[in-house]
Amino acid sequence: MTKQFLKDAIGWGILLWFIGYVLGILLFFVVPSSMIGWVITPIGTVITLWVLFKKIKSNSFPYYFFLAVVWTLIAIIFDYFFLVKLFKPADGYYKFDVYLYYVLTFVLPLIVSLRKK
């Protein structure tokens, strides 16, 4: 595990998660809670694609695979502790938009890896 991989996986993974977290808190005041994930998803997808194409320099599929694993684990673990446990949403947290977000978090790095080859 290289220093660059740790930066790409942990650094970008936490930063991308935090951007979504802050957006969610801001949107909470202007969007119905059931719609927050649907508003964040396209924004987060564009930001994630920008990071993957512009900031992640590897051309190795295994690199992107492990990046996808780490980013997805960060998303799941941080969501659980900083959203589910902290805010205890009355209507629950895990709905289709959240599962879509987890799938995109895992799949986008793999797709970008194939496009970069």
PDB file of N, CA and C in Angstrom:
ATOM      1  N   MET A   1       0.840  -1.166   0.000  1.00  0.00           N
ATOM      2  CA  MET A   1       0.000   0.000   0.000  1.00  0.00           C
ATOM      3  C   MET A   1       0.895   1.242   0.000  1.00  0.00           C
ATOM      4  N   THR A   2       0.796   2.009  -1.058  1.00  0.00           N
ATOM      5  CA  THR A   2       1.661   3.173  -1.200  1.00  0.00           C
ATOM      6  C   THR A   2       1.038   4.402  -0.535  1.00  0.00           C
ATOM      7  N   LYS A   3       1.884   5.401  -0.342  1.00  0.00           N
ATOM      8  CA  LYS A   3       1.424   6.670   0.214  1.00  0.00           C
ATOM      9  C   LYS A   3       0.384   7.305  -0.711  1.00  0.00           C
ATOM     10  N   GLN A   4       0.609   7.192  -2.015  1.00  0.00           N
ATOM     11  CA  GLN A   4      -0.332   7.760  -2.982  1.00  0.00           C
ATOM     12  C   GLN A   4      -1.688   7.062  -2.908  1.00  0.00           C
ATOM     13  N   PHE A   5      -1.672   5.735  -2.765  1.00  0.00           N
ATOM     14  CA  PHE A   5      -2.942   5.017  -2.653  1.00  0.00           C
ATOM     15  C   PHE A   5      -3.694   5.446  -1.397  1.00  0.00           C
ATOM     16  N   LEU A   6      -2.989   5.587  -0.289  1.00  0.00           N
ATOM     17  CA  LEU A   6      -3.639   6.025   0.948  1.00  0.00           C
ATOM     18  C   LEU A   6      -4.255   7.409   0.779  1.00  0.00           C
ATOM     19  N   LYS A   7      -3.539   8.294   0.091  1.00  0.00           N
ATOM     20  CA  LYS A   7      -4.067   9.641  -0.173  1.00  0.00           C
ATOM     21  C   LYS A   7      -5.320   9.550  -1.039  1.00  0.00           C
ATOM     22  N   ASP A   8      -5.236   8.766  -2.105  1.00  0.00           N
ATOM     23  CA  ASP A   8      -6.376   8.636  -3.016  1.00  0.00           C
ATOM     24  C   ASP A   8      -7.558   7.939  -2.345  1.00  0.00           C
ATOM     25  N   ALA A   9      -7.277   6.884  -1.611  1.00  0.00           N
ATOM     26  CA  ALA A   9      -8.354   6.083  -1.020  1.00  0.00           C
ATOM     27  C   ALA A   9      -8.938   6.749   0.225  1.00  0.00           C
ATOM     28  N   ILE A  10      -8.093   7.029   1.198  1.00  0.00           N
ATOM     29  CA  ILE A  10      -8.577   7.582   2.464  1.00  0.00           C
ATOM     30  C   ILE A  10      -8.878   9.073   2.323  1.00  0.00           C
ATOM     31  N   GLY A  11      -7.929   9.811   1.765  1.00  0.00           N
ATOM     32  CA  GLY A  11      -8.100  11.263   1.635  1.00  0.00           C
ATOM     33  C   GLY A  11      -9.304  11.646   0.801  1.00  0.00           C
ATOM     34  N   TRP A  12      -9.317  11.173  -0.445  1.00  0.00           N
ATOM     35  CA  TRP A  12     -10.439  11.502  -1.329  1.00  0.00           C
ATOM     36  C   TRP A  12     -11.726  10.837  -0.862  1.00  0.00           C
ATOM     37  N   GLY A  13     -11.632   9.641  -0.318  1.00  0.00           N
ATOM     38  CA  GLY A  13     -12.832   8.957   0.166  1.00  0.00           C
ATOM     39  C   GLY A  13     -13.526   9.733   1.271  1.00  0.00           C
ATOM     40  N   ILE A  14     -12.755  10.206   2.239  1.00  0.00           N
ATOM     41  CA  ILE A  14     -13.336  10.989   3.334  1.00  0.00           C
ATOM     42  C   ILE A  14     -13.822  12.343   2.830  1.00  0.00           C
ATOM     43  N   LEU A  15     -13.047  12.985   1.964  1.00  0.00           N
ATOM     44  CA  LEU A  15     -13.452  14.296   1.445  1.00  0.00           C
ATOM     45  C   LEU A  15     -14.747  14.198   0.640  1.00  0.00           C
ATOM     46  N   LEU A  16     -14.843  13.206  -0.225  1.00  0.00           N
ATOM     47  CA  LEU A  16     -16.073  13.030  -1.005  1.00  0.00           C
ATOM     48  C   LEU A  16     -17.262  12.745  -0.091  1.00  0.00           C
ATOM     49  N   TRP A  17     -17.058  11.906   0.908  1.00  0.00           N
ATOM     50  CA  TRP A  17     -18.140  11.629   1.849  1.00  0.00           C
ATOM     51  C   TRP A  17     -18.541  12.910   2.584  1.00  0.00           C
ATOM     52  N   PHE A  18     -17.557  13.685   3.017  1.00  0.00           N
ATOM     53  CA  PHE A  18     -17.824  14.906   3.778  1.00  0.00           C
ATOM     54  C   PHE A  18     -18.579  15.940   2.944  1.00  0.00           C
ATOM     55  N   ILE A  19     -18.256  16.034   1.660  1.00  0.00           N
ATOM     56  CA  ILE A  19     -18.985  16.947   0.771  1.00  0.00           C
ATOM     57  C   ILE A  19     -20.468  16.566   0.752  1.00  0.00           C
ATOM     58  N   GLY A  20     -20.757  15.290   0.591  1.00  0.00           N
ATOM     59  CA  GLY A  20     -22.142  14.827   0.613  1.00  0.00           C
ATOM     60  C   GLY A  20     -22.811  15.061   1.955  1.00  0.00           C
ATOM     61  N   TYR A  21     -22.067  14.876   3.021  1.00  0.00           N
ATOM     62  CA  TYR A  21     -22.582  15.082   4.379  1.00  0.00           C
ATOM     63  C   TYR A  21     -22.994  16.537   4.577  1.00  0.00           C
ATOM     64  N   VAL A  22     -22.114  17.454   4.201  1.00  0.00           N
ATOM     65  CA  VAL A  22     -22.404  18.885   4.342  1.00  0.00           C
ATOM     66  C   VAL A  22     -23.577  19.280   3.446  1.00  0.00           C
ATOM     67  N   LEU A  23     -23.575  18.794   2.207  1.00  0.00           N
ATOM     68  CA  LEU A  23     -24.706  19.075   1.314  1.00  0.00           C
ATOM     69  C   LEU A  23     -26.014  18.585   1.929  1.00  0.00           C
ATOM     70  N   GLY A  24     -25.995  17.410   2.512  1.00  0.00           N
ATOM     71  CA  GLY A  24     -27.191  16.856   3.139  1.00  0.00           C
ATOM     72  C   GLY A  24     -27.698  17.717   4.280  1.00  0.00           C
ATOM     73  N   ILE A  25     -26.784  18.212   5.093  1.00  0.00           N
ATOM     74  CA  ILE A  25     -27.179  19.076   6.210  1.00  0.00           C
ATOM     75  C   ILE A  25     -27.766  20.385   5.685  1.00  0.00           C
ATOM     76  N   LEU A  26     -27.122  20.970   4.669  1.00  0.00           N
ATOM     77  CA  LEU A  26     -27.635  22.218   4.094  1.00  0.00           C
ATOM     78  C   LEU A  26     -28.993  22.008   3.430  1.00  0.00           C
ATOM     79  N   LEU A  27     -29.128  20.920   2.695  1.00  0.00           N
ATOM     80  CA  LEU A  27     -30.383  20.648   1.989  1.00  0.00           C
ATOM     81  C   LEU A  27     -31.522  20.297   2.942  1.00  0.00           C
ATOM     82  N   PHE A  28     -31.190  19.841   4.128  1.00  0.00           N
ATOM     83  CA  PHE A  28     -32.204  19.472   5.110  1.00  0.00           C
ATOM     84  C   PHE A  28     -33.176  20.624   5.379  1.00  0.00           C
ATOM     85  N   PHE A  29     -32.678  21.858   5.245  1.00  0.00           N
ATOM     86  CA  PHE A  29     -33.491  23.032   5.541  1.00  0.00           C
ATOM     87  C   PHE A  29     -34.339  23.496   4.360  1.00  0.00           C
ATOM     88  N   VAL A  30     -34.074  22.976   3.156  1.00  0.00           N
ATOM     89  CA  VAL A  30     -34.798  23.472   1.974  1.00  0.00           C
ATOM     90  C   VAL A  30     -35.458  22.379   1.135  1.00  0.00           C
ATOM     91  N   VAL A  31     -35.144  21.127   1.403  1.00  0.00           N
ATOM     92  CA  VAL A  31     -35.668  20.014   0.603  1.00  0.00           C
ATOM     93  C   VAL A  31     -36.313  19.010   1.561  1.00  0.00           C
ATOM     94  N   PRO A  32     -37.437  18.412   1.179  1.00  0.00           N
ATOM     95  CA  PRO A  32     -37.999  17.353   2.037  1.00  0.00           C
ATOM     96  C   PRO A  32     -36.958  16.252   2.273  1.00  0.00           C
ATOM     97  N   SER A  33     -36.918  15.741   3.487  1.00  0.00           N
ATOM     98  CA  SER A  33     -35.873  14.765   3.837  1.00  0.00           C
ATOM     99  C   SER A  33     -35.880  13.546   2.924  1.00  0.00           C
ATOM    100  N   SER A  34     -37.039  13.177   2.401  1.00  0.00           N
ATOM    101  CA  SER A  34     -37.103  12.019   1.501  1.00  0.00           C
ATOM    102  C   SER A  34     -36.458  12.297   0.143  1.00  0.00           C
ATOM    103  N   MET A  35     -36.185  13.560  -0.166  1.00  0.00           N
ATOM    104  CA  MET A  35     -35.619  13.935  -1.466  1.00  0.00           C
ATOM    105  C   MET A  35     -34.137  14.300  -1.405  1.00  0.00           C
ATOM    106  N   ILE A  36     -33.585  14.429  -0.214  1.00  0.00           N
ATOM    107  CA  ILE A  36     -32.200  14.888  -0.070  1.00  0.00           C
ATOM    108  C   ILE A  36     -31.235  14.011  -0.856  1.00  0.00           C
ATOM    109  N   GLY A  37     -31.345  12.711  -0.724  1.00  0.00           N
ATOM    110  CA  GLY A  37     -30.447  11.795  -1.437  1.00  0.00           C
ATOM    111  C   GLY A  37     -30.546  11.938  -2.942  1.00  0.00           C
ATOM    112  N   TRP A  38     -31.757  12.176  -3.433  1.00  0.00           N
ATOM    113  CA  TRP A  38     -31.957  12.319  -4.882  1.00  0.00           C
ATOM    114  C   TRP A  38     -31.367  13.624  -5.407  1.00  0.00           C
ATOM    115  N   VAL A  39     -31.280  14.644  -4.566  1.00  0.00           N
ATOM    116  CA  VAL A  39     -30.656  15.909  -4.970  1.00  0.00           C
ATOM    117  C   VAL A  39     -29.136  15.778  -4.912  1.00  0.00           C
ATOM    118  N   ILE A  40     -28.633  15.116  -3.889  1.00  0.00           N
ATOM    119  CA  ILE A  40     -27.182  14.972  -3.712  1.00  0.00           C
ATOM    120  C   ILE A  40     -26.569  14.025  -4.742  1.00  0.00           C
ATOM    121  N   THR A  41     -27.262  12.965  -5.115  1.00  0.00           N
ATOM    122  CA  THR A  41     -26.687  11.931  -5.983  1.00  0.00           C
ATOM    123  C   THR A  41     -26.099  12.472  -7.283  1.00  0.00           C
ATOM    124  N   PRO A  42     -26.812  13.278  -8.076  1.00  0.00           N
ATOM    125  CA  PRO A  42     -26.182  13.768  -9.312  1.00  0.00           C
ATOM    126  C   PRO A  42     -25.000  14.698  -9.047  1.00  0.00           C
ATOM    127  N   ILE A  43     -25.101  15.507  -8.000  1.00  0.00           N
ATOM    128  CA  ILE A  43     -23.994  16.410  -7.655  1.00  0.00           C
ATOM    129  C   ILE A  43     -22.783  15.586  -7.233  1.00  0.00           C
ATOM    130  N   GLY A  44     -23.005  14.628  -6.350  1.00  0.00           N
ATOM    131  CA  GLY A  44     -21.918  13.763  -5.883  1.00  0.00           C
ATOM    132  C   GLY A  44     -21.303  12.939  -6.995  1.00  0.00           C
ATOM    133  N   THR A  45     -22.127  12.503  -7.938  1.00  0.00           N
ATOM    134  CA  THR A  45     -21.624  11.718  -9.070  1.00  0.00           C
ATOM    135  C   THR A  45     -20.687  12.555  -9.926  1.00  0.00           C
ATOM    136  N   VAL A  46     -21.074  13.780 -10.208  1.00  0.00           N
ATOM    137  CA  VAL A  46     -20.227  14.669 -11.022  1.00  0.00           C
ATOM    138  C   VAL A  46     -18.914  14.962 -10.304  1.00  0.00           C
ATOM    139  N   ILE A  47     -18.975  15.264  -9.021  1.00  0.00           N
ATOM    140  CA  ILE A  47     -17.754  15.548  -8.252  1.00  0.00           C
ATOM    141  C   ILE A  47     -16.862  14.309  -8.204  1.00  0.00           C
ATOM    142  N   THR A  48     -17.450  13.146  -7.982  1.00  0.00           N
ATOM    143  CA  THR A  48     -16.678  11.900  -7.928  1.00  0.00           C
ATOM    144  C   THR A  48     -16.010  11.610  -9.263  1.00  0.00           C
ATOM    145  N   LEU A  49     -16.739  11.798 -10.349  1.00  0.00           N
ATOM    146  CA  LEU A  49     -16.147  11.586 -11.679  1.00  0.00           C
ATOM    147  C   LEU A  49     -15.007  12.561 -11.923  1.00  0.00           C
ATOM    148  N   TRP A  50     -15.161  13.795 -11.503  1.00  0.00           N
ATOM    149  CA  TRP A  50     -14.081  14.776 -11.654  1.00  0.00           C
ATOM    150  C   TRP A  50     -12.837  14.304 -10.899  1.00  0.00           C
ATOM    151  N   VAL A  51     -13.022  13.853  -9.651  1.00  0.00           N
ATOM    152  CA  VAL A  51     -11.887  13.349  -8.865  1.00  0.00           C
ATOM    153  C   VAL A  51     -11.246  12.163  -9.575  1.00  0.00           C
ATOM    154  N   LEU A  52     -12.059  11.234 -10.034  1.00  0.00           N
ATOM    155  CA  LEU A  52     -11.527  10.025 -10.670  1.00  0.00           C
ATOM    156  C   LEU A  52     -10.766  10.332 -11.955  1.00  0.00           C
ATOM    157  N   PHE A  53     -11.264  11.258 -12.761  1.00  0.00           N
ATOM    158  CA  PHE A  53     -10.600  11.569 -14.029  1.00  0.00           C
ATOM    159  C   PHE A  53      -9.435  12.542 -13.872  1.00  0.00           C
ATOM    160  N   LYS A  54      -9.540  13.484 -12.954  1.00  0.00           N
ATOM    161  CA  LYS A  54      -8.534  14.551 -12.858  1.00  0.00           C
ATOM    162  C   LYS A  54      -7.512  14.364 -11.740  1.00  0.00           C
ATOM    163  N   LYS A  55      -7.890  13.705 -10.665  1.00  0.00           N
ATOM    164  CA  LYS A  55      -7.009  13.632  -9.498  1.00  0.00           C
ATOM    165  C   LYS A  55      -6.391  12.260  -9.264  1.00  0.00           C
ATOM    166  N   ILE A  56      -7.050  11.212  -9.699  1.00  0.00           N
ATOM    167  CA  ILE A  56      -6.512   9.855  -9.531  1.00  0.00           C
ATOM    168  C   ILE A  56      -5.718   9.525 -10.787  1.00  0.00           C
ATOM    169  N   LYS A  57      -4.432   9.299 -10.635  1.00  0.00           N
ATOM    170  CA  LYS A  57      -3.540   9.174 -11.797  1.00  0.00           C
ATOM    171  C   LYS A  57      -3.258   7.746 -12.243  1.00  0.00           C
ATOM    172  N   SER A  58      -3.645   6.772 -11.482  1.00  0.00           N
ATOM    173  CA  SER A  58      -3.336   5.382 -11.819  1.00  0.00           C
ATOM    174  C   SER A  58      -4.101   4.924 -13.060  1.00  0.00           C
ATOM    175  N   ASN A  59      -3.519   3.966 -13.770  1.00  0.00           N
ATOM    176  CA  ASN A  59      -4.189   3.310 -14.894  1.00  0.00           C
ATOM    177  C   ASN A  59      -4.429   1.827 -14.610  1.00  0.00           C
ATOM    178  N   SER A  60      -4.210   1.422 -13.382  1.00  0.00           N
ATOM    179  CA  SER A  60      -4.300   0.016 -12.997  1.00  0.00           C
ATOM    180  C   SER A  60      -5.706  -0.322 -12.493  1.00  0.00           C
ATOM    181  N   PHE A  61      -6.315  -1.337 -13.092  1.00  0.00           N
ATOM    182  CA  PHE A  61      -7.648  -1.760 -12.644  1.00  0.00           C
ATOM    183  C   PHE A  61      -7.649  -2.196 -11.176  1.00  0.00           C
ATOM    184  N   PRO A  62      -6.658  -2.993 -10.722  1.00  0.00           N
ATOM    185  CA  PRO A  62      -6.658  -3.369  -9.298  1.00  0.00           C
ATOM    186  C   PRO A  62      -6.606  -2.150  -8.362  1.00  0.00           C
ATOM    187  N   TYR A  63      -5.881  -1.114  -8.761  1.00  0.00           N
ATOM    188  CA  TYR A  63      -5.815   0.118  -7.968  1.00  0.00           C
ATOM    189  C   TYR A  63      -7.222   0.686  -7.793  1.00  0.00           C
ATOM    190  N   TYR A  64      -7.964   0.781  -8.895  1.00  0.00           N
ATOM    191  CA  TYR A  64      -9.321   1.323  -8.854  1.00  0.00           C
ATOM    192  C   TYR A  64     -10.272   0.394  -8.110  1.00  0.00           C
ATOM    193  N   PHE A  65     -10.047  -0.896  -8.215  1.00  0.00           N
ATOM    194  CA  PHE A  65     -10.885  -1.844  -7.485  1.00  0.00           C
ATOM    195  C   PHE A  65     -10.742  -1.631  -5.981  1.00  0.00           C
ATOM    196  N   PHE A  66      -9.500  -1.553  -5.497  1.00  0.00           N
ATOM    197  CA  PHE A  66      -9.290  -1.354  -4.066  1.00  0.00           C
ATOM    198  C   PHE A  66      -9.722   0.044  -3.629  1.00  0.00           C
ATOM    199  N   LEU A  67      -9.573   1.021  -4.514  1.00  0.00           N
ATOM    200  CA  LEU A  67     -10.088   2.362  -4.256  1.00  0.00           C
ATOM    201  C   LEU A  67     -11.607   2.301  -4.057  1.00  0.00           C
ATOM    202  N   ALA A  68     -12.288   1.566  -4.932  1.00  0.00           N
ATOM    203  CA  ALA A  68     -13.741   1.403  -4.838  1.00  0.00           C
ATOM    204  C   ALA A  68     -14.135   0.739  -3.522  1.00  0.00           C
ATOM    205  N   VAL A  69     -13.385  -0.274  -3.124  1.00  0.00           N
ATOM    206  CA  VAL A  69     -13.671  -0.969  -1.865  1.00  0.00           C
ATOM    207  C   VAL A  69     -13.527  -0.008  -0.684  1.00  0.00           C
ATOM    208  N   VAL A  70     -12.426   0.732  -0.642  1.00  0.00           N
ATOM    209  CA  VAL A  70     -12.185   1.652   0.479  1.00  0.00           C
ATOM    210  C   VAL A  70     -13.231   2.762   0.500  1.00  0.00           C
ATOM    211  N   TRP A  71     -13.508   3.368  -0.657  1.00  0.00           N
ATOM    212  CA  TRP A  71     -14.506   4.443  -0.705  1.00  0.00           C
ATOM    213  C   TRP A  71     -15.876   3.949  -0.252  1.00  0.00           C
ATOM    214  N   THR A  72     -16.238   2.749  -0.664  1.00  0.00           N
ATOM    215  CA  THR A  72     -17.542   2.204  -0.283  1.00  0.00           C
ATOM    216  C   THR A  72     -17.588   1.904   1.213  1.00  0.00           C
ATOM    217  N   LEU A  73     -16.510   1.355   1.749  1.00  0.00           N
ATOM    218  CA  LEU A  73     -16.458   1.108   3.194  1.00  0.00           C
ATOM    219  C   LEU A  73     -16.540   2.406   3.983  1.00  0.00           C
ATOM    220  N   ILE A  74     -15.829   3.433   3.526  1.00  0.00           N
ATOM    221  CA  ILE A  74     -15.909   4.742   4.183  1.00  0.00           C
ATOM    222  C   ILE A  74     -17.349   5.240   4.163  1.00  0.00           C
ATOM    223  N   ALA A  75     -17.994   5.157   3.015  1.00  0.00           N
ATOM    224  CA  ALA A  75     -19.378   5.632   2.889  1.00  0.00           C
ATOM    225  C   ALA A  75     -20.304   4.891   3.850  1.00  0.00           C
ATOM    226  N   ILE A  76     -20.196   3.575   3.886  1.00  0.00           N
ATOM    227  CA  ILE A  76     -21.088   2.770   4.732  1.00  0.00           C
ATOM    228  C   ILE A  76     -20.827   3.031   6.216  1.00  0.00           C
ATOM    229  N   ILE A  77     -19.567   3.009   6.606  1.00  0.00           N
ATOM    230  CA  ILE A  77     -19.214   3.179   8.024  1.00  0.00           C
ATOM    231  C   ILE A  77     -19.516   4.596   8.506  1.00  0.00           C
ATOM    232  N   PHE A  78     -19.108   5.600   7.733  1.00  0.00           N
ATOM    233  CA  PHE A  78     -19.349   6.985   8.148  1.00  0.00           C
ATOM    234  C   PHE A  78     -20.844   7.302   8.153  1.00  0.00           C
ATOM    235  N   ASP A  79     -21.591   6.806   7.169  1.00  0.00           N
ATOM    236  CA  ASP A  79     -23.042   7.013   7.167  1.00  0.00           C
ATOM    237  C   ASP A  79     -23.658   6.441   8.442  1.00  0.00           C
ATOM    238  N   TYR A  80     -23.234   5.257   8.798  1.00  0.00           N
ATOM    239  CA  TYR A  80     -23.813   4.607   9.972  1.00  0.00           C
ATOM    240  C   TYR A  80     -23.554   5.420  11.245  1.00  0.00           C
ATOM    241  N   PHE A  81     -22.302   5.819  11.446  1.00  0.00           N
ATOM    242  CA  PHE A  81     -21.972   6.513  12.691  1.00  0.00           C
ATOM    243  C   PHE A  81     -22.374   7.987  12.696  1.00  0.00           C
ATOM    244  N   PHE A  82     -22.225   8.674  11.565  1.00  0.00           N
ATOM    245  CA  PHE A  82     -22.462  10.114  11.540  1.00  0.00           C
ATOM    246  C   PHE A  82     -23.846  10.517  11.041  1.00  0.00           C
ATOM    247  N   LEU A  83     -24.625   9.569  10.549  1.00  0.00           N
ATOM    248  CA  LEU A  83     -26.001   9.871  10.139  1.00  0.00           C
ATOM    249  C   LEU A  83     -26.998   9.021  10.923  1.00  0.00           C
ATOM    250  N   VAL A  84     -26.885   7.717  10.797  1.00  0.00           N
ATOM    251  CA  VAL A  84     -27.861   6.822  11.423  1.00  0.00           C
ATOM    252  C   VAL A  84     -27.803   6.930  12.948  1.00  0.00           C
ATOM    253  N   LYS A  85     -26.628   6.765  13.525  1.00  0.00           N
ATOM    254  CA  LYS A  85     -26.493   6.791  14.986  1.00  0.00           C
ATOM    255  C   LYS A  85     -26.646   8.203  15.553  1.00  0.00           C
ATOM    256  N   LEU A  86     -26.105   9.191  14.870  1.00  0.00           N
ATOM    257  CA  LEU A  86     -26.111  10.558  15.385  1.00  0.00           C
ATOM    258  C   LEU A  86     -27.486  11.214  15.280  1.00  0.00           C
ATOM    259  N   PHE A  87     -28.124  11.091  14.104  1.00  0.00           N
ATOM    260  CA  PHE A  87     -29.390  11.788  13.875  1.00  0.00           C
ATOM    261  C   PHE A  87     -30.624  10.911  14.088  1.00  0.00           C
ATOM    262  N   LYS A  88     -30.436   9.603  14.086  1.00  0.00           N
ATOM    263  CA  LYS A  88     -31.554   8.663  14.282  1.00  0.00           C
ATOM    264  C   LYS A  88     -32.790   9.080  13.473  1.00  0.00           C
ATOM    265  N   PRO A  89     -32.691   9.068  12.131  1.00  0.00           N
ATOM    266  CA  PRO A  89     -33.825   9.508  11.306  1.00  0.00           C
ATOM    267  C   PRO A  89     -35.094   8.714  11.625  1.00  0.00           C
ATOM    268  N   ALA A  90     -36.187   9.441  11.837  1.00  0.00           N
ATOM    269  CA  ALA A  90     -37.458   8.819  12.233  1.00  0.00           C
ATOM    270  C   ALA A  90     -37.981   7.846  11.178  1.00  0.00           C
ATOM    271  N   ASP A  91     -37.796   8.198   9.919  1.00  0.00           N
ATOM    272  CA  ASP A  91     -38.299   7.337   8.839  1.00  0.00           C
ATOM    273  C   ASP A  91     -37.239   6.369   8.334  1.00  0.00           C
ATOM    274  N   GLY A  92     -36.149   6.249   9.064  1.00  0.00           N
ATOM    275  CA  GLY A  92     -35.060   5.373   8.648  1.00  0.00           C
ATOM    276  C   GLY A  92     -34.140   6.071   7.667  1.00  0.00           C
ATOM    277  N   TYR A  93     -33.029   5.460   7.398  1.00  0.00           N
ATOM    278  CA  TYR A  93     -32.041   6.060   6.504  1.00  0.00           C
ATOM    279  C   TYR A  93     -31.856   5.236   5.240  1.00  0.00           C
ATOM    280  N   TYR A  94     -31.863   3.933   5.382  1.00  0.00           N
ATOM    281  CA  TYR A  94     -31.513   3.050   4.273  1.00  0.00           C
ATOM    282  C   TYR A  94     -32.697   2.847   3.338  1.00  0.00           C
ATOM    283  N   LYS A  95     -32.692   3.639   2.275  1.00  0.00           N
ATOM    284  CA  LYS A  95     -33.719   3.556   1.232  1.00  0.00           C
ATOM    285  C   LYS A  95     -33.011   3.409  -0.113  1.00  0.00           C
ATOM    286  N   PHE A  96     -33.791   3.357  -1.176  1.00  0.00           N
ATOM    287  CA  PHE A  96     -33.222   3.097  -2.500  1.00  0.00           C
ATOM    288  C   PHE A  96     -32.125   4.094  -2.872  1.00  0.00           C
ATOM    289  N   ASP A  97     -32.304   5.378  -2.564  1.00  0.00           N
ATOM    290  CA  ASP A  97     -31.294   6.373  -2.927  1.00  0.00           C
ATOM    291  C   ASP A  97     -29.958   6.097  -2.240  1.00  0.00           C
ATOM    292  N   VAL A  98     -29.997   5.608  -1.015  1.00  0.00           N
ATOM    293  CA  VAL A  98     -28.758   5.293  -0.288  1.00  0.00           C
ATOM    294  C   VAL A  98     -28.074   4.080  -0.910  1.00  0.00           C
ATOM    295  N   TYR A  99     -28.848   3.063  -1.256  1.00  0.00           N
ATOM    296  CA  TYR A  99     -28.258   1.883  -1.894  1.00  0.00           C
ATOM    297  C   TYR A  99     -27.686   2.239  -3.266  1.00  0.00           C
ATOM    298  N   LEU A 100     -28.365   3.122  -3.988  1.00  0.00           N
ATOM    299  CA  LEU A 100     -27.837   3.599  -5.268  1.00  0.00           C
ATOM    300  C   LEU A 100     -26.513   4.321  -5.060  1.00  0.00           C
ATOM    301  N   TYR A 101     -26.443   5.133  -4.042  1.00  0.00           N
ATOM    302  CA  TYR A 101     -25.212   5.861  -3.699  1.00  0.00           C
ATOM    303  C   TYR A 101     -24.071   4.883  -3.400  1.00  0.00           C
ATOM    304  N   TYR A 102     -24.339   3.823  -2.663  1.00  0.00           N
ATOM    305  CA  TYR A 102     -23.302   2.830  -2.375  1.00  0.00           C
ATOM    306  C   TYR A 102     -22.859   2.111  -3.651  1.00  0.00           C
ATOM    307  N   VAL A 103     -23.801   1.770  -4.502  1.00  0.00           N
ATOM    308  CA  VAL A 103     -23.461   1.101  -5.770  1.00  0.00           C
ATOM    309  C   VAL A 103     -22.622   2.031  -6.641  1.00  0.00           C
ATOM    310  N   LEU A 104     -23.024   3.288  -6.767  1.00  0.00           N
ATOM    311  CA  LEU A 104     -22.251   4.246  -7.571  1.00  0.00           C
ATOM    312  C   LEU A 104     -20.856   4.457  -6.992  1.00  0.00           C
ATOM    313  N   THR A 105     -20.760   4.520  -5.679  1.00  0.00           N
ATOM    314  CA  THR A 105     -19.460   4.694  -5.029  1.00  0.00           C
ATOM    315  C   THR A 105     -18.522   3.549  -5.387  1.00  0.00           C
ATOM    316  N   PHE A 106     -19.063   2.354  -5.513  1.00  0.00           N
ATOM    317  CA  PHE A 106     -18.238   1.201  -5.867  1.00  0.00           C
ATOM    318  C   PHE A 106     -17.991   1.108  -7.371  1.00  0.00           C
ATOM    319  N   VAL A 107     -19.003   1.355  -8.172  1.00  0.00           N
ATOM    320  CA  VAL A 107     -18.925   1.105  -9.615  1.00  0.00           C
ATOM    321  C   VAL A 107     -18.205   2.218 -10.386  1.00  0.00           C
ATOM    322  N   LEU A 108     -18.376   3.471  -9.978  1.00  0.00           N
ATOM    323  CA  LEU A 108     -17.755   4.570 -10.735  1.00  0.00           C
ATOM    324  C   LEU A 108     -16.236   4.421 -10.886  1.00  0.00           C
ATOM    325  N   PRO A 109     -15.488   4.092  -9.818  1.00  0.00           N
ATOM    326  CA  PRO A 109     -14.046   3.897 -10.023  1.00  0.00           C
ATOM    327  C   PRO A 109     -13.726   2.779 -11.024  1.00  0.00           C
ATOM    328  N   LEU A 110     -14.518   1.729 -11.023  1.00  0.00           N
ATOM    329  CA  LEU A 110     -14.275   0.617 -11.952  1.00  0.00           C
ATOM    330  C   LEU A 110     -14.533   1.050 -13.395  1.00  0.00           C
ATOM    331  N   ILE A 111     -15.606   1.778 -13.616  1.00  0.00           N
ATOM    332  CA  ILE A 111     -15.922   2.266 -14.964  1.00  0.00           C
ATOM    333  C   ILE A 111     -14.850   3.229 -15.451  1.00  0.00           C
ATOM    334  N   VAL A 112     -14.439   4.143 -14.585  1.00  0.00           N
ATOM    335  CA  VAL A 112     -13.398   5.106 -14.975  1.00  0.00           C
ATOM    336  C   VAL A 112     -12.100   4.381 -15.291  1.00  0.00           C
ATOM    337  N   SER A 113     -11.766   3.363 -14.514  1.00  0.00           N
ATOM    338  CA  SER A 113     -10.557   2.584 -14.779  1.00  0.00           C
ATOM    339  C   SER A 113     -10.581   1.985 -16.180  1.00  0.00           C
ATOM    340  N   LEU A 114     -11.722   1.446 -16.566  1.00  0.00           N
ATOM    341  CA  LEU A 114     -11.843   0.848 -17.903  1.00  0.00           C
ATOM    342  C   LEU A 114     -11.776   1.910 -18.995  1.00  0.00           C
ATOM    343  N   ARG A 115     -12.294   3.092 -18.724  1.00  0.00           N
ATOM    344  CA  ARG A 115     -12.265   4.185 -19.708  1.00  0.00           C
ATOM    345  C   ARG A 115     -10.861   4.767 -19.870  1.00  0.00           C
ATOM    346  N   LYS A 116     -10.046   4.710 -18.836  1.00  0.00           N
ATOM    347  CA  LYS A 116      -8.700   5.285 -18.890  1.00  0.00           C
ATOM    348  C   LYS A 116      -7.716   4.406 -19.650  1.00  0.00           C
ATOM    349  N   LYS A 117      -8.055   3.147 -19.867  1.00  0.00           N
ATOM    350  CA  LYS A 117      -7.103   2.225 -20.516  1.00  0.00           C
ATOM    351  C   LYS A 117      -6.958   2.499 -21.977  1.00  0.00           C
TER     352      LYS A 117
END
